[in-house]
Amino acid sequence: MAQKARLLIVEDEEAIRSGLVDVFVYHGYDVDTAEHGKDGLNKALSGQFDLILLDVMLPGIDGFEICDRIRQQDRQQPVIMLTAKSSDEDIVQGLTLGADDYVAKPFSVTQLVLRVQAVLRRSGTTEDAAKEIRLNNSMVIDTENLCAGEIVFTRREMDVLQHLAAQSGRPVSREELLARVWGYANHMEIETRTVDIHIAKLRRKIESDPSSPQTIITVRGAGYRLMIENE
């Protein structure tokens, strides 16, 4: 029998927390929970979970600090943040700190389950790719160690770079990135800014002038193109 995927749900609202436990246990997951930020942080840093569902507003230590601490220790741990629907700043901050994606409250339980399943399918998987990516600005990215010199990347950022690099310089749409990097099927009708925010994060790391990108190019109406060496 296959081992159950382990989820950690860090959520202070008892009704939401218990409801999510019931849903994910029903779908075959092994679920643990935390109500307070400190307990959530300790459990999150234990390395025992395949994915962490992390609320932003928590007593004690908030979700942003927990996400930041997770990323300091583990750049590959899948994290989905739960945010207030109206709080655009929460969404941007959460993804900037390294969350794989976010789900805005109030959310569809069915959509949340599908997104968890998709992130777990993609977790730890990479396309057949070279051990390094040589960009047109002479930066060499070590895809195995998630770095370029002192610049470090999350697993999701590297997945984006690897997919773009594997496309022989053609533009790649947001929809394709959601499908191939996040694992979201077209029928899921996902409303998310995660692709744009991850691209913005990458530009801040690899572009000399992120406001005028020369390495990750936006191709109007088509998506994003990665400029690699000799292109």
C-alpha atoms as a PDB file:
ATOM      1  CA  MET A   1       0.000   0.000   0.000  1.00  0.00           C
ATOM      2  CA  ALA A   2       1.324   3.431  -0.959  1.00  0.00           C
ATOM      3  CA  GLN A   3       2.289   5.694   1.906  1.00  0.00           C
ATOM      4  CA  LYS A   4      -0.164   8.510   2.534  1.00  0.00           C
ATOM      5  CA  ALA A   5       0.970  12.052   1.776  1.00  0.00           C
ATOM      6  CA  ARG A   6       1.363  14.043   4.995  1.00  0.00           C
ATOM      7  CA  LEU A   7      -0.234  17.487   5.242  1.00  0.00           C
ATOM      8  CA  LEU A   8       0.212  20.134   7.910  1.00  0.00           C
ATOM      9  CA  ILE A   9      -2.685  22.598   8.226  1.00  0.00           C
ATOM     10  CA  VAL A  10      -1.767  25.746  10.169  1.00  0.00           C
ATOM     11  CA  GLU A  11      -5.054  27.590  10.725  1.00  0.00           C
ATOM     12  CA  ASP A  12      -6.383  29.314  13.838  1.00  0.00           C
ATOM     13  CA  GLU A  13     -10.099  29.256  12.943  1.00  0.00           C
ATOM     14  CA  GLU A  14     -11.390  26.018  14.429  1.00  0.00           C
ATOM     15  CA  ALA A  15     -14.288  25.601  11.987  1.00  0.00           C
ATOM     16  CA  ILE A  16     -12.026  25.955   8.943  1.00  0.00           C
ATOM     17  CA  ARG A  17      -9.285  23.795  10.455  1.00  0.00           C
ATOM     18  CA  SER A  18     -11.579  20.914  11.414  1.00  0.00           C
ATOM     19  CA  GLY A  19     -13.400  21.125   8.097  1.00  0.00           C
ATOM     20  CA  LEU A  20     -10.143  20.873   6.158  1.00  0.00           C
ATOM     21  CA  VAL A  21      -9.018  17.928   8.286  1.00  0.00           C
ATOM     22  CA  ASP A  22     -12.231  16.081   7.446  1.00  0.00           C
ATOM     23  CA  VAL A  23     -11.881  16.849   3.730  1.00  0.00           C
ATOM     24  CA  PHE A  24      -8.252  15.787   3.383  1.00  0.00           C
ATOM     25  CA  VAL A  25      -8.592  12.697   5.582  1.00  0.00           C
ATOM     26  CA  TYR A  26     -11.526  11.697   3.354  1.00  0.00           C
ATOM     27  CA  HIS A  27      -9.247  12.106   0.315  1.00  0.00           C
ATOM     28  CA  GLY A  28      -6.652   9.801   1.818  1.00  0.00           C
ATOM     29  CA  TYR A  29      -4.137  12.176   3.407  1.00  0.00           C
ATOM     30  CA  ASP A  30      -2.405  11.901   6.761  1.00  0.00           C
ATOM     31  CA  VAL A  31      -3.190  15.254   8.387  1.00  0.00           C
ATOM     32  CA  ASP A  32      -1.699  17.130  11.327  1.00  0.00           C
ATOM     33  CA  THR A  33      -2.717  20.608  12.462  1.00  0.00           C
ATOM     34  CA  ALA A  34      -1.523  23.623  14.384  1.00  0.00           C
ATOM     35  CA  GLU A  35      -3.653  26.440  15.785  1.00  0.00           C
ATOM     36  CA  HIS A  36      -0.964  28.878  16.898  1.00  0.00           C
ATOM     37  CA  GLY A  37       1.964  30.313  14.995  1.00  0.00           C
ATOM     38  CA  LYS A  38       4.700  28.985  17.296  1.00  0.00           C
ATOM     39  CA  ASP A  39       3.355  25.426  17.190  1.00  0.00           C
ATOM     40  CA  GLY A  40       2.903  25.731  13.423  1.00  0.00           C
ATOM     41  CA  LEU A  41       6.478  26.919  12.973  1.00  0.00           C
ATOM     42  CA  ASN A  42       7.926  24.080  15.044  1.00  0.00           C
ATOM     43  CA  LYS A  43       5.958  21.470  13.129  1.00  0.00           C
ATOM     44  CA  ALA A  44       6.685  23.079   9.762  1.00  0.00           C
ATOM     45  CA  LEU A  45      10.431  23.018  10.419  1.00  0.00           C
ATOM     46  CA  SER A  46      10.357  19.340  11.395  1.00  0.00           C
ATOM     47  CA  GLY A  47      10.606  18.271   7.751  1.00  0.00           C
ATOM     48  CA  GLN A  48       7.908  15.642   8.248  1.00  0.00           C
ATOM     49  CA  PHE A  49       5.291  16.966   5.811  1.00  0.00           C
ATOM     50  CA  ASP A  50       4.804  16.643   2.072  1.00  0.00           C
ATOM     51  CA  LEU A  51       2.870  19.929   1.907  1.00  0.00           C
ATOM     52  CA  ILE A  52       1.964  22.730   4.304  1.00  0.00           C
ATOM     53  CA  LEU A  53      -1.309  24.695   4.152  1.00  0.00           C
ATOM     54  CA  LEU A  54      -0.455  27.930   5.936  1.00  0.00           C
ATOM     55  CA  ASP A  55      -2.875  30.664   7.000  1.00  0.00           C
ATOM     56  CA  VAL A  56      -1.533  34.222   6.971  1.00  0.00           C
ATOM     57  CA  MET A  57      -3.255  35.557  10.092  1.00  0.00           C
ATOM     58  CA  LEU A  58      -2.162  33.508  13.093  1.00  0.00           C
ATOM     59  CA  PRO A  59      -1.756  34.296  16.795  1.00  0.00           C
ATOM     60  CA  GLY A  60       1.854  34.705  17.889  1.00  0.00           C
ATOM     61  CA  ILE A  61       3.898  34.178  14.731  1.00  0.00           C
ATOM     62  CA  ASP A  62       2.128  34.990  11.475  1.00  0.00           C
ATOM     63  CA  GLY A  63       2.182  32.920   8.303  1.00  0.00           C
ATOM     64  CA  PHE A  64       4.653  35.216   6.569  1.00  0.00           C
ATOM     65  CA  GLU A  65       7.333  34.642   9.194  1.00  0.00           C
ATOM     66  CA  ILE A  66       6.657  30.906   9.172  1.00  0.00           C
ATOM     67  CA  CYS A  67       6.989  30.782   5.372  1.00  0.00           C
ATOM     68  CA  ASP A  68      10.207  32.801   5.517  1.00  0.00           C
ATOM     69  CA  ARG A  69      11.674  30.480   8.174  1.00  0.00           C
ATOM     70  CA  ILE A  70      10.689  27.422   6.143  1.00  0.00           C
ATOM     71  CA  ARG A  71      12.463  28.789   3.074  1.00  0.00           C
ATOM     72  CA  GLN A  72      15.613  29.582   5.070  1.00  0.00           C
ATOM     73  CA  GLN A  73      15.792  25.899   5.992  1.00  0.00           C
ATOM     74  CA  ASP A  74      14.266  24.155   2.956  1.00  0.00           C
ATOM     75  CA  ARG A  75      13.834  25.683  -0.514  1.00  0.00           C
ATOM     76  CA  GLN A  76      11.902  22.640  -1.752  1.00  0.00           C
ATOM     77  CA  GLN A  77       9.139  22.255   0.866  1.00  0.00           C
ATOM     78  CA  PRO A  78       5.752  22.759  -0.870  1.00  0.00           C
ATOM     79  CA  VAL A  79       3.731  25.556   0.789  1.00  0.00           C
ATOM     80  CA  ILE A  80       0.291  26.878  -0.134  1.00  0.00           C
ATOM     81  CA  MET A  81      -0.812  29.993   1.742  1.00  0.00           C
ATOM     82  CA  LEU A  82      -4.403  30.784   2.725  1.00  0.00           C
ATOM     83  CA  THR A  83      -5.087  34.512   2.386  1.00  0.00           C
ATOM     84  CA  ALA A  84      -7.923  36.979   2.774  1.00  0.00           C
ATOM     85  CA  LYS A  85      -9.567  37.380  -0.630  1.00  0.00           C
ATOM     86  CA  SER A  86      -9.358  41.176  -0.544  1.00  0.00           C
ATOM     87  CA  SER A  87      -5.745  41.356   0.606  1.00  0.00           C
ATOM     88  CA  ASP A  88      -3.661  41.658  -2.551  1.00  0.00           C
ATOM     89  CA  GLU A  89      -0.614  42.642  -0.496  1.00  0.00           C
ATOM     90  CA  ASP A  90      -0.849  39.352   1.424  1.00  0.00           C
ATOM     91  CA  ILE A  91      -0.787  37.417  -1.851  1.00  0.00           C
ATOM     92  CA  VAL A  92       2.270  39.240  -3.179  1.00  0.00           C
ATOM     93  CA  GLN A  93       4.140  39.025   0.120  1.00  0.00           C
ATOM     94  CA  GLY A  94       3.413  35.329   0.564  1.00  0.00           C
ATOM     95  CA  LEU A  95       4.627  34.415  -2.910  1.00  0.00           C
ATOM     96  CA  THR A  96       7.635  36.723  -2.587  1.00  0.00           C
ATOM     97  CA  LEU A  97       8.649  34.859   0.587  1.00  0.00           C
ATOM     98  CA  GLY A  98       8.596  31.588  -1.324  1.00  0.00           C
ATOM     99  CA  ALA A  99       5.119  30.061  -1.131  1.00  0.00           C
ATOM    100  CA  ASP A 100       4.341  27.830  -4.116  1.00  0.00           C
ATOM    101  CA  ASP A 101       0.865  29.290  -4.473  1.00  0.00           C
ATOM    102  CA  TYR A 102      -1.987  30.854  -2.522  1.00  0.00           C
ATOM    103  CA  VAL A 103      -5.703  30.218  -2.104  1.00  0.00           C
ATOM    104  CA  ALA A 104      -7.940  33.176  -1.293  1.00  0.00           C
ATOM    105  CA  LYS A 105     -10.682  32.918   1.325  1.00  0.00           C
ATOM    106  CA  PRO A 106     -13.502  32.105   0.982  1.00  0.00           C
ATOM    107  CA  PHE A 107     -12.322  29.230  -1.187  1.00  0.00           C
ATOM    108  CA  SER A 108     -13.851  26.263  -2.959  1.00  0.00           C
ATOM    109  CA  VAL A 109     -12.903  23.094  -1.078  1.00  0.00           C
ATOM    110  CA  THR A 110     -12.905  21.170  -4.364  1.00  0.00           C
ATOM    111  CA  GLN A 111     -10.494  23.663  -5.925  1.00  0.00           C
ATOM    112  CA  LEU A 112      -8.248  23.541  -2.862  1.00  0.00           C
ATOM    113  CA  VAL A 113      -8.057  19.736  -3.001  1.00  0.00           C
ATOM    114  CA  LEU A 114      -7.236  19.847  -6.724  1.00  0.00           C
ATOM    115  CA  ARG A 115      -4.505  22.415  -6.136  1.00  0.00           C
ATOM    116  CA  VAL A 116      -2.957  20.406  -3.304  1.00  0.00           C
ATOM    117  CA  GLN A 117      -2.995  17.309  -5.510  1.00  0.00           C
ATOM    118  CA  ALA A 118      -1.388  19.243  -8.365  1.00  0.00           C
ATOM    119  CA  VAL A 119       1.397  20.739  -6.232  1.00  0.00           C
ATOM    120  CA  LEU A 120       2.165  17.325  -4.732  1.00  0.00           C
ATOM    121  CA  ARG A 121       2.337  15.735  -8.199  1.00  0.00           C
ATOM    122  CA  ARG A 122       4.891  18.327  -9.258  1.00  0.00           C
ATOM    123  CA  SER A 123       6.837  18.265  -5.991  1.00  0.00           C
ATOM    124  CA  GLY A 124      10.311  16.865  -6.437  1.00  0.00           C
ATOM    125  CA  THR A 125       9.887  16.399 -10.180  1.00  0.00           C
ATOM    126  CA  THR A 126      11.917  18.131 -12.843  1.00  0.00           C
ATOM    127  CA  GLU A 127      12.015  17.932 -16.575  1.00  0.00           C
ATOM    128  CA  ASP A 128      14.973  16.363 -18.327  1.00  0.00           C
ATOM    129  CA  ALA A 129      17.346  19.296 -18.310  1.00  0.00           C
ATOM    130  CA  ALA A 130      20.990  20.170 -18.164  1.00  0.00           C
ATOM    131  CA  LYS A 131      22.639  20.580 -14.781  1.00  0.00           C
ATOM    132  CA  GLU A 132      23.136  24.235 -15.563  1.00  0.00           C
ATOM    133  CA  ILE A 133      21.437  27.036 -17.473  1.00  0.00           C
ATOM    134  CA  ARG A 134      23.663  29.655 -19.102  1.00  0.00           C
ATOM    135  CA  LEU A 135      21.779  32.910 -19.518  1.00  0.00           C
ATOM    136  CA  ASN A 136      22.466  35.601 -22.096  1.00  0.00           C
ATOM    137  CA  ASN A 137      23.818  37.871 -19.340  1.00  0.00           C
ATOM    138  CA  SER A 138      26.595  35.314 -18.577  1.00  0.00           C
ATOM    139  CA  MET A 139      24.931  34.126 -15.377  1.00  0.00           C
ATOM    140  CA  VAL A 140      25.310  30.354 -14.900  1.00  0.00           C
ATOM    141  CA  ILE A 141      22.540  28.706 -12.891  1.00  0.00           C
ATOM    142  CA  ASP A 142      23.185  25.459 -11.042  1.00  0.00           C
ATOM    143  CA  THR A 143      19.847  23.669 -11.423  1.00  0.00           C
ATOM    144  CA  GLU A 144      20.643  20.870  -8.967  1.00  0.00           C
ATOM    145  CA  ASN A 145      21.749  23.092  -6.100  1.00  0.00           C
ATOM    146  CA  LEU A 146      19.182  25.835  -6.829  1.00  0.00           C
ATOM    147  CA  CYS A 147      21.691  28.647  -7.022  1.00  0.00           C
ATOM    148  CA  ALA A 148      23.794  30.964  -9.158  1.00  0.00           C
ATOM    149  CA  GLY A 149      26.767  31.955  -7.037  1.00  0.00           C
ATOM    150  CA  GLU A 150      25.296  33.611  -3.947  1.00  0.00           C
ATOM    151  CA  ILE A 151      21.830  33.917  -5.516  1.00  0.00           C
ATOM    152  CA  VAL A 152      19.483  31.181  -4.333  1.00  0.00           C
ATOM    153  CA  PHE A 153      16.228  29.987  -5.854  1.00  0.00           C
ATOM    154  CA  THR A 154      13.243  28.074  -4.556  1.00  0.00           C
ATOM    155  CA  ARG A 155      12.348  24.750  -6.173  1.00  0.00           C
ATOM    156  CA  ARG A 156       9.354  26.369  -7.888  1.00  0.00           C
ATOM    157  CA  GLU A 157      11.464  29.205  -9.293  1.00  0.00           C
ATOM    158  CA  MET A 158      13.916  26.680 -10.689  1.00  0.00           C
ATOM    159  CA  ASP A 159      11.078  24.662 -12.215  1.00  0.00           C
ATOM    160  CA  VAL A 160       9.960  27.807 -14.046  1.00  0.00           C
ATOM    161  CA  LEU A 161      13.483  28.486 -15.322  1.00  0.00           C
ATOM    162  CA  GLN A 162      13.984  24.878 -16.409  1.00  0.00           C
ATOM    163  CA  HIS A 163      10.719  24.787 -18.318  1.00  0.00           C
ATOM    164  CA  LEU A 164      11.458  28.078 -20.058  1.00  0.00           C
ATOM    165  CA  ALA A 165      15.005  26.953 -20.888  1.00  0.00           C
ATOM    166  CA  ALA A 166      13.760  23.664 -22.344  1.00  0.00           C
ATOM    167  CA  GLN A 167      11.527  25.400 -24.898  1.00  0.00           C
ATOM    168  CA  SER A 168      14.318  26.468 -27.304  1.00  0.00           C
ATOM    169  CA  GLY A 169      13.612  30.128 -26.754  1.00  0.00           C
ATOM    170  CA  ARG A 170       9.937  30.072 -27.749  1.00  0.00           C
ATOM    171  CA  PRO A 171       7.444  32.094 -25.690  1.00  0.00           C
ATOM    172  CA  VAL A 172       5.633  30.104 -23.001  1.00  0.00           C
ATOM    173  CA  SER A 173       2.145  31.124 -21.916  1.00  0.00           C
ATOM    174  CA  ARG A 174       0.947  31.541 -18.334  1.00  0.00           C
ATOM    175  CA  GLU A 175      -1.477  28.673 -18.933  1.00  0.00           C
ATOM    176  CA  GLU A 176       1.341  26.370 -20.020  1.00  0.00           C
ATOM    177  CA  LEU A 177       3.426  27.281 -16.990  1.00  0.00           C
ATOM    178  CA  LEU A 178       0.471  26.620 -14.677  1.00  0.00           C
ATOM    179  CA  ALA A 179      -0.036  23.231 -16.337  1.00  0.00           C
ATOM    180  CA  ARG A 180       3.580  22.110 -16.638  1.00  0.00           C
ATOM    181  CA  VAL A 181       5.165  23.693 -13.539  1.00  0.00           C
ATOM    182  CA  TRP A 182       2.265  23.794 -11.062  1.00  0.00           C
ATOM    183  CA  GLY A 183       0.402  20.813 -12.502  1.00  0.00           C
ATOM    184  CA  TYR A 184      -2.910  22.667 -12.831  1.00  0.00           C
ATOM    185  CA  ALA A 185      -5.086  21.138 -15.535  1.00  0.00           C
ATOM    186  CA  ASN A 186      -6.897  23.459 -17.939  1.00  0.00           C
ATOM    187  CA  HIS A 187     -10.306  22.419 -16.637  1.00  0.00           C
ATOM    188  CA  MET A 188      -9.464  23.695 -13.150  1.00  0.00           C
ATOM    189  CA  GLU A 189     -10.044  27.325 -14.231  1.00  0.00           C
ATOM    190  CA  ILE A 190      -7.512  28.577 -11.711  1.00  0.00           C
ATOM    191  CA  GLU A 191      -7.559  32.287 -10.896  1.00  0.00           C
ATOM    192  CA  THR A 192      -4.059  33.018  -9.644  1.00  0.00           C
ATOM    193  CA  ARG A 193      -1.311  35.583 -10.093  1.00  0.00           C
ATOM    194  CA  THR A 194       1.353  33.113  -9.042  1.00  0.00           C
ATOM    195  CA  VAL A 195       3.001  32.930 -12.488  1.00  0.00           C
ATOM    196  CA  ASP A 196       3.374  36.709 -12.819  1.00  0.00           C
ATOM    197  CA  ILE A 197       4.673  37.069  -9.276  1.00  0.00           C
ATOM    198  CA  HIS A 198       7.188  34.222  -9.705  1.00  0.00           C
ATOM    199  CA  ILE A 199       8.405  35.841 -12.937  1.00  0.00           C
ATOM    200  CA  ALA A 200       8.802  39.163 -11.101  1.00  0.00           C
ATOM    201  CA  LYS A 201      10.770  37.396  -8.334  1.00  0.00           C
ATOM    202  CA  LEU A 202      13.061  35.767 -10.893  1.00  0.00           C
ATOM    203  CA  ARG A 203      13.658  39.061 -12.664  1.00  0.00           C
ATOM    204  CA  ARG A 204      14.755  40.663  -9.402  1.00  0.00           C
ATOM    205  CA  LYS A 205      17.305  37.869  -9.017  1.00  0.00           C
ATOM    206  CA  ILE A 206      18.719  37.550 -12.533  1.00  0.00           C
ATOM    207  CA  GLU A 207      18.163  40.873 -14.311  1.00  0.00           C
ATOM    208  CA  SER A 208      20.555  43.803 -13.945  1.00  0.00           C
ATOM    209  CA  ASP A 209      17.513  46.083 -14.329  1.00  0.00           C
ATOM    210  CA  PRO A 210      14.269  44.226 -13.482  1.00  0.00           C
ATOM    211  CA  SER A 211      12.196  47.155 -14.781  1.00  0.00           C
ATOM    212  CA  SER A 212      13.700  46.639 -18.250  1.00  0.00           C
ATOM    213  CA  PRO A 213      14.193  42.858 -18.489  1.00  0.00           C
ATOM    214  CA  GLN A 214      16.596  41.483 -21.092  1.00  0.00           C
ATOM    215  CA  THR A 215      16.694  37.838 -19.978  1.00  0.00           C
ATOM    216  CA  ILE A 216      13.077  36.935 -19.184  1.00  0.00           C
ATOM    217  CA  ILE A 217      11.239  38.720 -21.961  1.00  0.00           C
ATOM    218  CA  THR A 218       7.496  39.319 -22.061  1.00  0.00           C
ATOM    219  CA  VAL A 219       6.165  38.488 -25.527  1.00  0.00           C
ATOM    220  CA  ARG A 220       2.874  40.328 -25.848  1.00  0.00           C
ATOM    221  CA  GLY A 221      -0.033  37.940 -26.265  1.00  0.00           C
ATOM    222  CA  ALA A 222       2.228  34.871 -26.071  1.00  0.00           C
ATOM    223  CA  GLY A 223       3.852  34.697 -22.626  1.00  0.00           C
ATOM    224  CA  TYR A 224       7.474  34.657 -21.456  1.00  0.00           C
ATOM    225  CA  ARG A 225      10.703  33.806 -23.230  1.00  0.00           C
ATOM    226  CA  LEU A 226      13.999  33.000 -21.508  1.00  0.00           C
ATOM    227  CA  MET A 227      17.068  34.321 -23.328  1.00  0.00           C
ATOM    228  CA  ILE A 228      19.916  31.867 -22.907  1.00  0.00           C
ATOM    229  CA  GLU A 229      23.529  32.003 -24.028  1.00  0.00           C
ATOM    230  CA  ASN A 230      24.145  32.425 -27.792  1.00  0.00           C
ATOM    231  CA  GLU A 231      20.529  33.372 -28.514  1.00  0.00           C
END
